[in-house]
Amino acid sequence: MASSSLFRFAVVVALCGLLMLVDGALVTGDAAATPPAAPGLAEAVHPWLGVVLALLALTLTIGVVRSDDCANLRGLAFILLGLVVAQGGLGSRGAMAVSPAWMGTLHACLAQLFFVGAVVVAVCTSPGWQRGPELVEDYGWPSLRSLAISTPVVVFLQVFLGAALRHRAMGALSHIGFSMVAALWVLFKCVCLIQQFPKHRALRPMANGLLAVTFTQVFLGIASFTLRTMDITGPALAAVTATHVATGAITLAVATALGVQIRRNVMPKGSLTAASV
């Protein structure tokens, strides 16, 4: 496949991964809804979505391996294929019988990682990526190159706590409490980035996008908590929960993609100055 074809196909794979996450959230329901709010159709569709996703991941891996322009993505493509296989194993009845709460949590987290990986493939094969980096120099402290790594880790921990809450492996306190840490961490990183490089063609739009999706996620979390305190379950809670899960996945994906762009475009402090001498 050419890079343009891989880009379009990776977008399709990412969208299918996001649909799988939403369907999984509908199957699981919410910690306040017993039984889950929308298990019927979503539960029947979920295994078939998994099969489709596996075929798409296999096709994407073959396309990446056969493309001379995407040699650096081959490892990631094989990881995505492995994640699909692992999701199938953790989501099986045998695994769920061992520990439904923790196996379900790990199953949901692997689905999140698959979506993030597909988004990264899409970013690295996009037309904007093909134009090459716009090199700038890190200001030093706080190091944006360090924040590029730490921010996705912080967001993923928040996603993990949300999955544990949804699968009844943990209570709500840790997820609610850490949400403030994650939101402030993202805010700090994006403000630093926008202040340092306000006109960068790749970094500024992605930082704005990360801010927007993060605060949308905070709003949805507040809405979900409000519905639970009002003892409102059923379709309303299912819709908010599924949207909250999807937005959390998008937040993690954008944070990771922005981290990739920072590592590509932002050089260590002093490196560009030394190279120009």
Protein backbone atom coordinates (compact mmCIF):
# COMPACT_ATOMS: atom_id res chain seq x y z
CA MET A 1 0.00 0.00 0.00
CA ALA A 2 1.03 3.58 -0.63
CA SER A 3 1.20 5.91 2.36
CA SER A 4 -2.02 7.67 1.32
CA SER A 5 -3.88 4.36 1.12
CA LEU A 6 -2.45 3.24 4.44
CA PHE A 7 -3.52 6.52 6.00
CA ARG A 8 -7.13 6.06 4.88
CA PHE A 9 -7.16 2.42 5.94
CA ALA A 10 -5.64 3.24 9.34
CA VAL A 11 -8.42 5.80 9.86
CA VAL A 12 -10.99 3.07 9.14
CA VAL A 13 -9.25 0.71 11.59
CA ALA A 14 -9.18 3.42 14.27
CA LEU A 15 -12.88 4.19 13.78
CA CYS A 16 -13.72 0.48 14.05
CA GLY A 17 -11.64 0.31 17.24
CA LEU A 18 -13.55 3.27 18.65
CA LEU A 19 -16.87 1.62 17.74
CA MET A 20 -15.68 -1.51 19.54
CA LEU A 21 -14.97 0.56 22.66
CA VAL A 22 -18.42 2.15 22.59
CA ASP A 23 -20.09 -1.22 22.11
CA GLY A 24 -18.06 -2.67 24.98
CA ALA A 25 -19.16 0.18 27.22
CA LEU A 26 -22.79 -0.54 26.34
CA VAL A 27 -22.30 -4.23 27.11
CA THR A 28 -20.69 -3.53 30.46
CA GLY A 29 -23.02 -0.76 31.51
CA ASP A 30 -22.10 1.39 34.49
CA ALA A 31 -21.26 0.59 38.07
CA ALA A 32 -24.57 2.13 39.11
CA ALA A 33 -26.64 0.11 36.68
CA THR A 34 -27.38 -3.48 37.67
CA PRO A 35 -27.87 -5.24 35.33
CA PRO A 36 -25.92 -3.31 32.62
CA ALA A 37 -27.97 -0.68 30.90
CA ALA A 38 -27.88 -1.94 27.32
CA PRO A 39 -26.64 -5.53 27.09
CA GLY A 40 -28.96 -6.96 24.41
CA LEU A 41 -27.99 -5.93 20.88
CA ALA A 42 -24.59 -4.58 21.93
CA GLU A 43 -23.66 -7.93 23.51
CA ALA A 44 -24.70 -9.85 20.40
CA VAL A 45 -22.74 -7.53 18.09
CA HIS A 46 -19.57 -7.38 20.20
CA PRO A 47 -17.98 -10.72 19.12
CA TRP A 48 -18.62 -9.96 15.45
CA LEU A 49 -17.03 -6.55 15.81
CA GLY A 50 -14.02 -8.33 17.28
CA VAL A 51 -13.75 -10.57 14.21
CA VAL A 52 -13.99 -7.58 11.87
CA LEU A 53 -11.38 -5.71 13.89
CA ALA A 54 -9.01 -8.69 13.77
CA LEU A 55 -9.31 -8.91 9.98
CA LEU A 56 -8.74 -5.17 9.65
CA ALA A 57 -5.68 -5.36 11.92
CA LEU A 58 -4.27 -8.24 9.87
CA THR A 59 -4.81 -6.32 6.63
CA LEU A 60 -3.20 -3.21 8.11
CA THR A 61 -0.18 -5.22 9.27
CA ILE A 62 0.27 -6.73 5.81
CA GLY A 63 -0.01 -3.27 4.23
CA VAL A 64 2.56 -1.78 6.58
CA VAL A 65 5.00 -4.68 6.09
CA ARG A 66 4.74 -4.41 2.30
CA SER A 67 5.20 -0.63 2.25
CA ASP A 68 8.75 0.63 1.89
CA ASP A 69 7.73 4.00 3.34
CA CYS A 70 6.51 2.56 6.65
CA ALA A 71 9.42 0.45 7.85
CA ASN A 72 9.40 2.25 11.21
CA LEU A 73 5.75 1.28 11.76
CA ARG A 74 6.14 -2.48 11.30
CA GLY A 75 6.73 -3.16 14.98
CA LEU A 76 3.67 -1.15 15.92
CA ALA A 77 1.56 -2.98 13.34
CA PHE A 78 2.51 -6.36 14.81
CA ILE A 79 1.77 -5.04 18.30
CA LEU A 80 -1.73 -4.03 17.14
CA LEU A 81 -2.28 -7.52 15.79
CA GLY A 82 -1.12 -9.00 19.09
CA LEU A 83 -3.46 -6.69 21.01
CA VAL A 84 -6.44 -7.97 19.04
CA VAL A 85 -5.51 -11.57 19.81
CA ALA A 86 -4.99 -10.75 23.49
CA GLN A 87 -8.36 -8.95 23.64
CA GLY A 88 -10.06 -12.03 22.25
CA GLY A 89 -8.40 -14.21 24.88
CA LEU A 90 -9.25 -11.94 27.80
CA GLY A 91 -12.81 -11.50 26.58
CA SER A 92 -13.46 -15.24 26.29
CA ARG A 93 -15.84 -16.98 28.64
CA GLY A 94 -13.03 -19.01 30.18
CA ALA A 95 -11.01 -15.92 31.10
CA MET A 96 -14.08 -14.07 32.37
CA ALA A 97 -14.97 -17.03 34.56
CA VAL A 98 -11.64 -16.72 36.39
CA SER A 99 -12.07 -13.05 37.36
CA PRO A 100 -14.79 -11.11 35.53
CA ALA A 101 -13.85 -7.77 37.07
CA TRP A 102 -10.11 -7.76 36.40
CA MET A 103 -10.21 -9.67 33.11
CA GLY A 104 -12.86 -7.26 31.88
CA THR A 105 -10.73 -4.31 32.99
CA LEU A 106 -7.67 -5.61 31.14
CA HIS A 107 -9.81 -6.40 28.09
CA ALA A 108 -11.06 -2.80 28.04
CA CYS A 109 -7.55 -1.37 28.50
CA LEU A 110 -6.16 -3.41 25.61
CA ALA A 111 -9.00 -2.09 23.45
CA GLN A 112 -7.94 1.44 24.40
CA LEU A 113 -4.33 0.70 23.48
CA PHE A 114 -5.38 -0.77 20.14
CA PHE A 115 -7.32 2.38 19.28
CA VAL A 116 -4.36 4.56 20.28
CA GLY A 117 -1.98 2.49 18.16
CA ALA A 118 -4.25 2.74 15.12
CA VAL A 119 -4.43 6.51 15.55
CA VAL A 120 -0.63 6.70 15.72
CA VAL A 121 -0.37 4.73 12.46
CA ALA A 122 -2.85 7.15 10.88
CA VAL A 123 -0.84 10.16 12.11
CA CYS A 124 2.46 8.70 10.85
CA THR A 125 1.04 8.04 7.37
CA SER A 126 -0.95 11.29 7.07
CA PRO A 127 -0.22 13.97 4.43
CA GLY A 128 0.90 16.36 7.16
CA TRP A 129 3.48 13.85 8.38
CA GLN A 130 4.82 13.41 4.84
CA ARG A 131 5.68 17.13 4.66
CA GLY A 132 8.40 16.52 7.23
CA PRO A 133 9.08 17.99 10.68
CA GLU A 134 9.19 21.67 11.58
CA LEU A 135 12.14 21.59 13.96
CA VAL A 136 12.09 23.79 17.05
CA GLU A 137 14.18 23.79 20.21
CA ASP A 138 12.95 22.79 23.65
CA TYR A 139 13.04 25.64 26.14
CA GLY A 140 14.50 23.40 28.83
CA TRP A 141 12.20 23.24 31.86
CA PRO A 142 9.64 21.87 31.87
CA SER A 143 11.02 19.62 29.17
CA LEU A 144 8.35 19.12 26.53
CA ARG A 145 10.10 15.96 25.39
CA SER A 146 9.63 14.52 28.90
CA LEU A 147 6.02 15.68 29.05
CA ALA A 148 5.46 13.96 25.69
CA ILE A 149 6.12 10.63 27.42
CA SER A 150 4.60 11.28 30.84
CA THR A 151 1.26 12.74 29.70
CA PRO A 152 -0.01 9.62 27.86
CA VAL A 153 1.03 7.55 30.89
CA VAL A 154 -0.99 9.77 33.23
CA VAL A 155 -4.03 9.71 30.91
CA PHE A 156 -3.79 5.94 30.52
CA LEU A 157 -3.77 5.51 34.30
CA GLN A 158 -6.99 7.53 34.44
CA VAL A 159 -8.47 5.37 31.66
CA PHE A 160 -7.46 2.25 33.60
CA LEU A 161 -9.18 3.51 36.75
CA GLY A 162 -12.30 4.24 34.70
CA ALA A 163 -12.29 0.74 33.23
CA ALA A 164 -11.83 -0.76 36.71
CA LEU A 165 -14.82 1.27 37.94
CA ARG A 166 -16.96 0.22 35.01
CA HIS A 167 -16.13 -3.46 35.51
CA ARG A 168 -16.64 -3.18 39.30
CA ALA A 169 -13.01 -4.00 40.10
CA MET A 170 -12.51 -0.73 42.01
CA GLY A 171 -14.62 2.01 43.52
CA ALA A 172 -15.30 5.47 42.17
CA LEU A 173 -13.09 7.45 44.56
CA SER A 174 -9.78 6.71 42.83
CA HIS A 175 -11.15 7.49 39.37
CA ILE A 176 -12.81 10.73 40.45
CA GLY A 177 -9.83 11.87 42.52
CA PHE A 178 -7.20 11.15 39.88
CA SER A 179 -9.27 12.84 37.17
CA MET A 180 -8.24 16.23 38.58
CA VAL A 181 -4.57 15.23 38.45
CA ALA A 182 -4.87 14.07 34.84
CA ALA A 183 -6.79 17.19 33.74
CA LEU A 184 -4.28 19.55 35.39
CA TRP A 185 -1.36 17.61 33.91
CA VAL A 186 -2.81 17.94 30.40
CA LEU A 187 -3.59 21.61 30.96
CA PHE A 188 -0.04 22.30 32.15
CA LYS A 189 1.51 20.54 29.15
CA CYS A 190 -0.73 22.22 26.56
CA VAL A 191 -0.28 25.71 28.03
CA CYS A 192 3.50 25.28 28.01
CA LEU A 193 3.40 24.04 24.44
CA ILE A 194 1.15 26.81 23.14
CA GLN A 195 3.16 29.50 24.91
CA GLN A 196 6.47 28.23 23.56
CA PHE A 197 5.40 27.47 19.97
CA PRO A 198 2.22 29.45 19.24
CA LYS A 199 2.57 29.21 15.44
CA HIS A 200 3.82 25.65 14.99
CA ARG A 201 1.78 24.00 12.24
CA ALA A 202 1.56 20.57 13.91
CA LEU A 203 1.91 21.17 17.65
CA ARG A 204 -0.45 24.14 18.18
CA PRO A 205 -3.59 22.53 16.59
CA MET A 206 -3.04 19.23 18.40
CA ALA A 207 -2.52 20.99 21.74
CA ASN A 208 -5.78 22.89 21.25
CA GLY A 209 -7.52 19.65 20.31
CA LEU A 210 -6.19 17.89 23.41
CA LEU A 211 -7.43 20.71 25.63
CA ALA A 212 -10.89 20.58 24.02
CA VAL A 213 -11.33 16.81 24.29
CA THR A 214 -9.94 16.73 27.85
CA PHE A 215 -12.41 19.27 29.18
CA THR A 216 -15.23 17.56 27.26
CA GLN A 217 -14.22 14.39 29.09
CA VAL A 218 -14.30 16.21 32.45
CA PHE A 219 -17.79 17.51 31.66
CA LEU A 220 -19.00 14.02 30.73
CA GLY A 221 -17.52 12.63 33.94
CA ILE A 222 -19.45 15.22 35.95
CA ALA A 223 -22.61 14.35 34.01
CA SER A 224 -22.13 10.64 34.69
CA PHE A 225 -21.55 11.25 38.40
CA THR A 226 -24.64 13.49 38.56
CA LEU A 227 -26.83 10.83 36.96
CA ARG A 228 -25.59 8.26 39.46
CA THR A 229 -26.27 10.52 42.44
CA MET A 230 -29.78 11.16 41.09
CA ASP A 231 -30.28 7.39 40.75
CA ILE A 232 -30.96 7.73 37.00
CA THR A 233 -30.12 4.53 35.11
CA GLY A 234 -31.21 2.97 31.81
CA PRO A 235 -30.60 4.53 28.37
CA ALA A 236 -29.57 7.95 29.70
CA LEU A 237 -26.79 6.55 31.86
CA ALA A 238 -25.75 4.09 29.12
CA ALA A 239 -25.43 6.90 26.57
CA VAL A 240 -23.39 9.13 28.88
CA THR A 241 -21.16 6.23 29.94
CA ALA A 242 -20.49 5.13 26.35
CA THR A 243 -19.72 8.71 25.30
CA HIS A 244 -17.47 9.13 28.33
CA VAL A 245 -15.54 5.98 27.39
CA ALA A 246 -15.19 7.08 23.76
CA THR A 247 -14.00 10.57 24.74
CA GLY A 248 -11.51 9.07 27.18
CA ALA A 249 -10.10 6.94 24.36
CA ILE A 250 -9.85 9.97 22.09
CA THR A 251 -8.12 11.92 24.87
CA LEU A 252 -5.54 9.16 25.27
CA ALA A 253 -5.06 8.91 21.50
CA VAL A 254 -4.58 12.66 21.02
CA ALA A 255 -2.19 12.83 23.99
CA THR A 256 -0.14 10.01 22.47
CA ALA A 257 -0.20 11.46 18.95
CA LEU A 258 0.85 14.85 20.32
CA GLY A 259 3.67 13.12 22.18
CA VAL A 260 4.84 11.54 18.92
CA GLN A 261 4.77 14.94 17.22
CA ILE A 262 6.73 16.54 20.06
CA ARG A 263 9.43 13.87 19.93
CA ARG A 264 9.66 14.42 16.17
CA ASN A 265 9.58 18.22 16.04
CA VAL A 266 11.05 19.42 19.35
CA MET A 267 14.80 18.99 19.69
CA PRO A 268 16.66 19.02 23.03
CA LYS A 269 17.71 22.42 24.32
CA GLY A 270 20.85 23.68 22.61
CA SER A 271 20.95 21.05 19.86
CA LEU A 272 19.76 23.31 17.03
CA THR A 273 22.00 26.15 18.18
CA ALA A 274 25.02 23.86 18.26
CA ALA A 275 24.20 22.44 14.83
CA SER A 276 24.02 25.90 13.27
CA VAL A 277 27.43 26.99 14.59
